[in-house]
Amino acid sequence: MAKNVRTDRQHPPEIAPIDRAILNVLRRDARTPNNAVAAQVGIAPSTCLGRVRRLEESGAILGYHADVDLEACGTPLQAMIAVRLRAGARHQLRAFTDSMRSRPEVISVYFVAGNEDFLVHVAVRDTAALRDFVLEQLSATPQVAATQTNLIFEQVRGAAWSTTAT
């Protein structure tokens, strides 16, 4: 859903304190109306609208997302699958990421440091669908050396995260 992906990670944009406050409001609820965001951060609605547009254009806001009840959608079983690629397949990192992103089971793909190369967060209808995904979409892929599947019992979104500088 990201329409403005900022590729220059070396020089992130400077974010003013009022913009950080706007981001915190939108992070809690992206559907907050502009006039309510403006009221919460103490600025005029027209000023708020302009600041939100600049945050979108700069890539600070990548998109807006719905928090979906996966069980209500028929995919109650979630797993985090650690994937290690073969040493000779390191040049295929982007291809692997793109192939995972295209799968309907995949919620997120994380490129990570450590023993594994990726964490793939999936949601499926049952254990048979999870087994099929691991065997047919991961283990059968030539560049994949190993996988380790961890079931997710519960997911809780962090409430303490904010855009304040650390």
Protein backbone atom coordinates (compact mmCIF):
# COMPACT_ATOMS: atom_id res chain seq x y z
CA MET A 1 0.00 0.00 0.00
CA ALA A 2 3.07 2.21 0.11
CA LYS A 3 2.91 4.77 -2.65
CA ASN A 4 5.96 6.85 -1.74
CA VAL A 5 8.86 4.62 -0.80
CA ARG A 6 11.89 6.63 0.22
CA THR A 7 15.00 4.85 -1.03
CA ASP A 8 17.61 7.19 0.50
CA ARG A 9 17.94 5.61 3.96
CA GLN A 10 21.23 7.41 4.62
CA HIS A 11 19.59 10.82 5.05
CA PRO A 12 16.13 10.56 6.57
CA PRO A 13 14.08 13.75 6.53
CA GLU A 14 14.18 16.03 9.56
CA ILE A 15 10.87 15.77 11.36
CA ALA A 16 9.67 18.72 13.40
CA PRO A 17 8.11 18.09 16.82
CA ILE A 18 4.63 19.04 15.55
CA ASP A 19 5.01 16.54 12.69
CA ARG A 20 6.02 13.85 15.19
CA ALA A 21 2.85 14.61 17.13
CA ILE A 22 0.80 14.25 13.93
CA LEU A 23 2.50 10.92 13.16
CA ASN A 24 1.72 9.65 16.68
CA VAL A 25 -1.99 10.46 16.25
CA LEU A 26 -2.12 8.79 12.83
CA ARG A 27 -0.17 5.76 14.03
CA ARG A 28 -2.77 5.15 16.74
CA ASP A 29 -5.63 5.52 14.24
CA ALA A 30 -4.92 6.34 10.59
CA ARG A 31 -8.60 7.11 10.05
CA THR A 32 -8.59 10.06 12.45
CA PRO A 33 -10.17 12.97 10.55
CA ASN A 34 -7.87 15.87 9.75
CA ASN A 35 -9.75 18.31 12.00
CA ALA A 36 -9.42 15.88 14.94
CA VAL A 37 -5.69 15.42 14.28
CA ALA A 38 -5.30 19.21 14.15
CA ALA A 39 -7.18 19.64 17.43
CA GLN A 40 -5.11 16.95 19.17
CA VAL A 41 -1.80 18.56 18.17
CA GLY A 42 -2.97 22.16 18.57
CA ILE A 43 -2.79 23.53 15.01
CA ALA A 44 -5.28 24.74 12.40
CA PRO A 45 -6.86 22.07 10.16
CA SER A 46 -5.43 23.70 7.01
CA THR A 47 -1.93 23.67 8.53
CA CYS A 48 -2.39 20.04 9.57
CA LEU A 49 -3.52 19.00 6.10
CA GLY A 50 -0.45 20.64 4.54
CA ARG A 51 1.88 18.98 7.03
CA VAL A 52 0.33 15.54 6.43
CA ARG A 53 0.74 15.99 2.67
CA ARG A 54 4.42 16.95 3.14
CA LEU A 55 4.94 13.90 5.38
CA GLU A 56 3.46 11.71 2.63
CA GLU A 57 5.55 13.35 -0.10
CA SER A 58 8.76 13.03 1.92
CA GLY A 59 8.15 9.33 2.54
CA ALA A 60 7.74 9.71 6.31
CA ILE A 61 4.21 8.35 5.80
CA LEU A 62 4.42 5.34 3.50
CA GLY A 63 0.74 4.42 3.51
CA TYR A 64 -2.35 3.78 5.58
CA HIS A 65 -3.34 0.32 6.72
CA ALA A 66 -6.29 -1.51 8.23
CA ASP A 67 -5.76 -3.65 11.33
CA VAL A 68 -7.58 -6.79 10.16
CA ASP A 69 -9.02 -9.57 12.31
CA LEU A 70 -7.38 -12.55 10.60
CA GLU A 71 -9.68 -15.06 12.26
CA ALA A 72 -12.74 -13.24 10.89
CA CYS A 73 -11.10 -13.44 7.44
CA GLY A 74 -10.72 -17.21 7.67
CA THR A 75 -6.97 -17.26 8.32
CA PRO A 76 -6.68 -17.66 12.11
CA LEU A 77 -3.36 -19.53 12.20
CA GLN A 78 -0.32 -17.25 12.16
CA ALA A 79 3.31 -18.26 12.01
CA MET A 80 6.70 -16.60 11.81
CA ILE A 81 8.95 -18.60 9.49
CA ALA A 82 12.71 -18.07 9.64
CA VAL A 83 14.31 -18.60 6.23
CA ARG A 84 17.98 -19.07 5.42
CA LEU A 85 19.04 -18.84 1.78
CA ARG A 86 21.84 -20.90 0.27
CA ALA A 87 25.21 -19.16 0.21
CA GLY A 88 25.17 -19.02 -3.58
CA ALA A 89 21.72 -17.41 -3.63
CA ARG A 90 22.61 -14.16 -1.85
CA HIS A 91 22.25 -12.26 -5.14
CA GLN A 92 18.58 -13.31 -5.20
CA LEU A 93 17.49 -11.47 -2.04
CA ARG A 94 15.22 -9.08 -3.96
CA ALA A 95 13.69 -11.90 -6.02
CA PHE A 96 12.93 -13.87 -2.85
CA THR A 97 11.36 -10.83 -1.19
CA ASP A 98 9.24 -10.10 -4.27
CA SER A 99 8.05 -13.71 -4.54
CA MET A 100 7.04 -13.75 -0.87
CA ARG A 101 5.25 -10.39 -1.13
CA SER A 102 3.11 -11.78 -3.95
CA ARG A 103 1.79 -14.68 -1.85
CA PRO A 104 -1.67 -14.20 -0.31
CA GLU A 105 -0.60 -15.96 2.92
CA VAL A 106 2.21 -13.48 3.59
CA ILE A 107 1.55 -10.55 5.92
CA SER A 108 5.12 -9.25 6.16
CA VAL A 109 8.64 -10.12 5.07
CA TYR A 110 11.58 -9.02 7.22
CA PHE A 111 15.19 -9.06 5.98
CA VAL A 112 17.15 -9.68 9.19
CA ALA A 113 20.66 -10.04 10.57
CA GLY A 114 21.77 -13.21 12.33
CA ASN A 115 21.71 -16.88 11.39
CA GLU A 116 18.63 -16.47 9.21
CA ASP A 117 18.13 -14.14 6.26
CA PHE A 118 14.39 -13.53 6.48
CA LEU A 119 11.42 -13.78 8.79
CA VAL A 120 8.19 -14.37 6.92
CA HIS A 121 4.96 -13.64 8.82
CA VAL A 122 2.07 -15.66 7.41
CA ALA A 123 -1.61 -16.22 8.17
CA VAL A 124 -3.37 -19.36 6.94
CA ARG A 125 -6.62 -21.25 7.56
CA ASP A 126 -5.10 -24.31 9.29
CA THR A 127 -1.99 -26.44 9.85
CA ALA A 128 -2.42 -28.21 6.50
CA ALA A 129 -2.27 -24.85 4.69
CA LEU A 130 0.80 -23.88 6.73
CA ARG A 131 2.50 -27.18 5.89
CA ASP A 132 1.69 -26.70 2.20
CA PHE A 133 3.07 -23.15 2.24
CA VAL A 134 6.33 -24.24 3.88
CA LEU A 135 6.79 -27.26 1.62
CA GLU A 136 5.59 -25.80 -1.70
CA GLN A 137 6.50 -22.12 -1.43
CA LEU A 138 9.66 -22.26 0.69
CA SER A 139 11.34 -25.65 0.86
CA ALA A 140 10.75 -26.32 -2.85
CA THR A 141 12.43 -23.03 -3.78
CA PRO A 142 16.01 -23.73 -4.96
CA GLN A 143 17.55 -20.71 -3.18
CA VAL A 144 16.14 -21.73 0.25
CA ALA A 145 18.56 -23.72 2.41
CA ALA A 146 16.46 -24.06 5.58
CA THR A 147 13.31 -22.94 7.33
CA GLN A 148 12.13 -22.90 10.93
CA THR A 149 8.45 -22.34 11.67
CA ASN A 150 7.17 -20.80 14.90
CA LEU A 151 3.45 -20.62 15.57
CA ILE A 152 2.11 -17.31 16.88
CA PHE A 153 -0.31 -17.80 19.76
CA GLU A 154 -1.17 -14.13 20.15
CA GLN A 155 -0.18 -10.86 18.54
CA VAL A 156 -0.37 -7.62 20.51
CA ARG A 157 0.48 -4.31 18.93
CA GLY A 158 2.87 -2.19 20.99
CA ALA A 159 1.13 0.83 22.47
CA ALA A 160 4.28 2.52 23.73
CA TRP A 161 5.93 3.04 20.35
CA SER A 162 6.05 6.64 19.27
CA THR A 163 7.90 8.76 16.77
CA THR A 164 9.87 10.60 19.42
CA ALA A 165 13.58 10.74 18.72
CA THR A 166 15.75 8.43 20.80
